[in-house]
């Protein structure tokens, strides 16, 4: 009899702990949780201790409101058919912490990977469009112009997804090996010509 009461007490205690644990949830600083009920959006939870209806409300996604960065690599072709390799770094963040913005961030893309893929393709497309109108020997001097052209288009796209572009940098611009060799030969022959003129 006492064993049955003891076992019953343990089960009741476990159920109470599970229920209380399901009623409250903690949202970490720097994130906002998106809550759904039966698969439909219900509300958002801000950092701190939050009440949640156990078994019904589910945290569908945790959205970071901190600055985030991504490094991209892609290739473009100039008007004179030279391949140019780019490495870019984007710094972006959620526009604000309003419910509408957080809903955009949570539901515009199926997951974070889809956002990154779209972001990469958007930047790549903008750079390719700009570079395609320029010649190989112009590209290195147009780093700031390329960044500005991409920023204008990208910021509009990001706003529609709930994000804001803070900064973009082109960290590396390189040409294919054959082009680099031919550029080095042009510089070397130009230096030899200058040296010959100075000696004369």
Protein backbone atom coordinates (compact mmCIF):
# COMPACT_ATOMS: atom_id res chain seq x y z
CA UNK A 1 0.00 0.00 0.00
CA UNK A 2 2.77 2.44 0.99
CA UNK A 3 4.75 1.49 -2.10
CA UNK A 4 1.74 2.31 -4.29
CA UNK A 5 1.33 5.72 -2.62
CA UNK A 6 5.07 6.41 -3.00
CA UNK A 7 5.00 5.52 -6.70
CA UNK A 8 1.85 7.61 -7.21
CA UNK A 9 3.54 10.55 -5.42
CA UNK A 10 6.60 10.32 -7.67
CA UNK A 11 4.41 10.27 -10.79
CA UNK A 12 2.39 13.28 -9.57
CA UNK A 13 5.58 15.18 -8.71
CA UNK A 14 7.01 14.40 -12.17
CA UNK A 15 3.79 15.63 -13.85
CA UNK A 16 3.85 18.87 -11.82
CA UNK A 17 7.49 19.55 -12.73
CA UNK A 18 6.80 18.77 -16.41
CA UNK A 19 3.74 21.05 -16.45
CA UNK A 20 5.48 23.95 -14.68
CA UNK A 21 8.51 23.48 -16.94
CA UNK A 22 6.18 23.65 -19.94
CA UNK A 23 4.40 26.79 -18.69
CA UNK A 24 7.51 28.97 -18.52
CA UNK A 25 10.27 29.37 -21.07
CA UNK A 26 13.37 31.55 -21.16
CA UNK A 27 14.32 33.63 -24.19
CA UNK A 28 18.00 34.55 -24.27
CA UNK A 29 19.26 38.13 -24.60
CA UNK A 30 19.83 39.04 -28.25
CA UNK A 31 17.06 36.78 -29.56
CA UNK A 32 13.30 36.90 -30.03
CA UNK A 33 11.23 33.71 -30.15
CA UNK A 34 8.41 33.21 -32.63
CA UNK A 35 5.53 31.18 -31.19
CA UNK A 36 3.01 29.14 -33.17
CA UNK A 37 -0.08 27.24 -32.10
CA UNK A 38 -1.30 24.32 -34.23
CA UNK A 39 1.14 25.45 -36.93
CA UNK A 40 -0.24 29.01 -37.13
CA UNK A 41 1.57 32.18 -35.99
CA UNK A 42 0.44 33.26 -32.51
CA UNK A 43 2.89 35.80 -31.03
CA UNK A 44 6.52 36.69 -30.28
CA UNK A 45 8.42 36.38 -27.00
CA UNK A 46 11.02 38.93 -25.95
CA UNK A 47 14.16 38.16 -23.87
CA UNK A 48 13.51 36.99 -20.31
CA UNK A 49 11.06 34.61 -18.65
CA UNK A 50 7.86 34.09 -20.67
CA UNK A 51 4.58 32.28 -20.09
CA UNK A 52 3.69 29.57 -22.63
CA UNK A 53 0.63 27.34 -22.90
CA UNK A 54 2.10 23.84 -22.49
CA UNK A 55 1.58 21.27 -25.26
CA UNK A 56 -0.16 23.86 -27.51
CA UNK A 57 2.21 26.79 -28.02
CA UNK A 58 5.47 25.87 -29.74
CA UNK A 59 8.59 27.99 -30.27
CA UNK A 60 8.86 27.72 -34.03
CA UNK A 61 12.00 29.86 -34.51
CA UNK A 62 14.49 31.92 -32.54
CA UNK A 63 15.43 35.12 -34.39
CA UNK A 64 18.77 36.78 -33.61
CA UNK A 65 18.54 40.56 -33.31
CA UNK A 66 22.32 40.95 -33.11
CA UNK A 67 24.55 42.03 -36.01
CA UNK A 68 25.41 39.13 -38.29
CA UNK A 69 28.06 38.72 -40.97
CA UNK A 70 28.52 36.47 -43.96
CA UNK A 71 31.44 36.00 -46.33
CA UNK A 72 30.62 35.41 -50.00
CA UNK A 73 32.73 34.18 -52.92
CA UNK A 74 31.66 34.45 -56.55
CA UNK A 75 32.89 35.15 -60.08
CA UNK A 76 31.96 37.72 -62.73
CA UNK A 77 32.98 38.33 -66.35
CA UNK A 78 34.03 41.75 -67.68
CA UNK A 79 32.98 43.28 -71.01
CA UNK A 80 36.26 42.05 -72.55
CA UNK A 81 35.63 38.46 -71.30
CA UNK A 82 38.01 38.40 -68.31
CA UNK A 83 37.02 36.27 -65.30
CA UNK A 84 37.13 38.20 -62.02
CA UNK A 85 36.94 36.47 -58.61
CA UNK A 86 35.41 38.36 -55.69
CA UNK A 87 35.35 37.85 -51.93
CA UNK A 88 32.82 40.02 -50.12
CA UNK A 89 31.81 40.46 -46.50
CA UNK A 90 28.30 41.58 -45.57
CA UNK A 91 27.29 42.94 -42.17
CA UNK A 92 23.54 43.02 -41.59
CA UNK A 93 20.92 42.87 -38.85
CA UNK A 94 17.18 42.71 -38.25
CA UNK A 95 15.66 46.16 -38.95
CA UNK A 96 13.91 46.45 -35.58
CA UNK A 97 12.12 44.38 -32.95
CA UNK A 98 8.53 45.09 -34.03
CA UNK A 99 6.17 42.17 -34.48
CA UNK A 100 5.75 42.74 -38.22
CA UNK A 101 9.53 42.74 -38.83
CA UNK A 102 10.10 39.61 -36.76
CA UNK A 103 7.28 37.83 -38.64
CA UNK A 104 8.97 38.75 -41.95
CA UNK A 105 12.30 37.39 -40.75
CA UNK A 106 10.73 34.18 -39.45
CA UNK A 107 8.43 33.34 -42.37
CA UNK A 108 9.91 34.82 -45.59
CA UNK A 109 12.31 31.88 -45.99
CA UNK A 110 11.91 28.22 -45.10
CA UNK A 111 15.17 28.30 -43.11
CA UNK A 112 18.38 30.30 -42.60
CA UNK A 113 20.13 28.36 -45.39
CA UNK A 114 17.56 29.56 -47.93
CA UNK A 115 18.14 33.17 -46.85
CA UNK A 116 21.91 32.77 -47.24
CA UNK A 117 21.54 31.22 -50.69
CA UNK A 118 19.24 34.03 -51.85
CA UNK A 119 21.54 36.67 -50.37
CA UNK A 120 24.54 35.16 -52.14
CA UNK A 121 22.74 35.00 -55.49
CA UNK A 122 21.44 38.56 -55.14
CA UNK A 123 24.90 40.01 -54.44
CA UNK A 124 26.45 37.89 -57.19
CA UNK A 125 23.82 39.02 -59.71
CA UNK A 126 24.32 42.70 -58.83
CA UNK A 127 28.11 42.48 -59.12
CA UNK A 128 27.91 40.53 -62.39
CA UNK A 129 25.55 43.12 -63.87
CA UNK A 130 27.93 45.94 -62.95
CA UNK A 131 31.16 44.17 -63.98
CA UNK A 132 29.73 43.08 -67.35
CA UNK A 133 29.71 46.74 -68.46
CA UNK A 134 33.35 47.39 -67.52
CA UNK A 135 36.70 46.36 -68.96
CA UNK A 136 39.27 44.27 -67.11
CA UNK A 137 41.71 47.16 -66.57
CA UNK A 138 38.95 49.29 -64.95
CA UNK A 139 37.76 46.80 -62.31
CA UNK A 140 40.41 47.27 -59.60
CA UNK A 141 39.86 51.04 -59.57
CA UNK A 142 36.07 50.68 -59.26
CA UNK A 143 35.89 48.80 -55.93
CA UNK A 144 33.89 51.59 -54.22
CA UNK A 145 31.55 51.98 -57.23
CA UNK A 146 30.83 48.23 -57.25
CA UNK A 147 30.04 48.29 -53.52
CA UNK A 148 27.71 51.30 -53.89
CA UNK A 149 25.87 49.73 -56.84
CA UNK A 150 25.30 46.49 -54.91
CA UNK A 151 24.35 48.26 -51.67
CA UNK A 152 21.56 50.25 -53.34
CA UNK A 153 19.85 47.17 -54.73
CA UNK A 154 20.62 44.82 -51.84
CA UNK A 155 19.32 47.11 -49.11
CA UNK A 156 15.91 47.26 -50.77
CA UNK A 157 15.72 43.47 -51.01
CA UNK A 158 16.86 43.01 -47.41
CA UNK A 159 14.22 45.47 -46.13
CA UNK A 160 11.48 43.36 -47.70
CA UNK A 161 12.87 40.34 -45.80
CA UNK A 162 13.05 42.23 -42.47
CA UNK A 163 16.80 42.96 -42.52
CA UNK A 164 18.98 46.04 -42.91
CA UNK A 165 22.40 46.16 -44.63
CA UNK A 166 24.92 47.78 -42.27
CA UNK A 167 28.06 47.43 -44.40
CA UNK A 168 29.53 45.61 -47.37
CA UNK A 169 33.21 45.23 -48.20
CA UNK A 170 34.96 43.70 -51.20
CA UNK A 171 37.93 42.13 -49.44
CA UNK A 172 39.56 40.55 -52.46
CA UNK A 173 39.39 41.05 -56.23
CA UNK A 174 41.53 38.69 -58.31
CA UNK A 175 41.73 37.64 -61.94
CA UNK A 176 42.38 34.21 -63.43
CA UNK A 177 46.03 33.08 -63.39
CA UNK A 178 46.56 33.65 -67.13
CA UNK A 179 45.24 37.22 -66.85
CA UNK A 180 47.43 37.89 -63.80
CA UNK A 181 50.48 36.68 -65.74
CA UNK A 182 49.68 38.85 -68.74
CA UNK A 183 49.11 41.88 -66.45
CA UNK A 184 52.49 41.20 -64.80
CA UNK A 185 54.14 41.04 -68.24
CA UNK A 186 52.57 44.37 -69.24
CA UNK A 187 53.84 45.99 -66.02
CA UNK A 188 57.32 44.45 -66.50
CA UNK A 189 57.60 45.63 -70.13
CA UNK A 190 56.37 49.10 -69.11
CA UNK A 191 59.06 49.24 -66.40
CA UNK A 192 61.76 48.15 -68.88
CA UNK A 193 60.65 50.81 -71.35
CA UNK A 194 60.77 53.49 -68.63
CA UNK A 195 64.24 52.32 -67.55
CA UNK A 196 65.49 52.42 -71.17
CA UNK A 197 64.11 55.94 -71.61
CA UNK A 198 65.81 57.09 -68.41
CA UNK A 199 69.17 55.66 -69.52
CA UNK A 200 68.89 57.42 -72.89
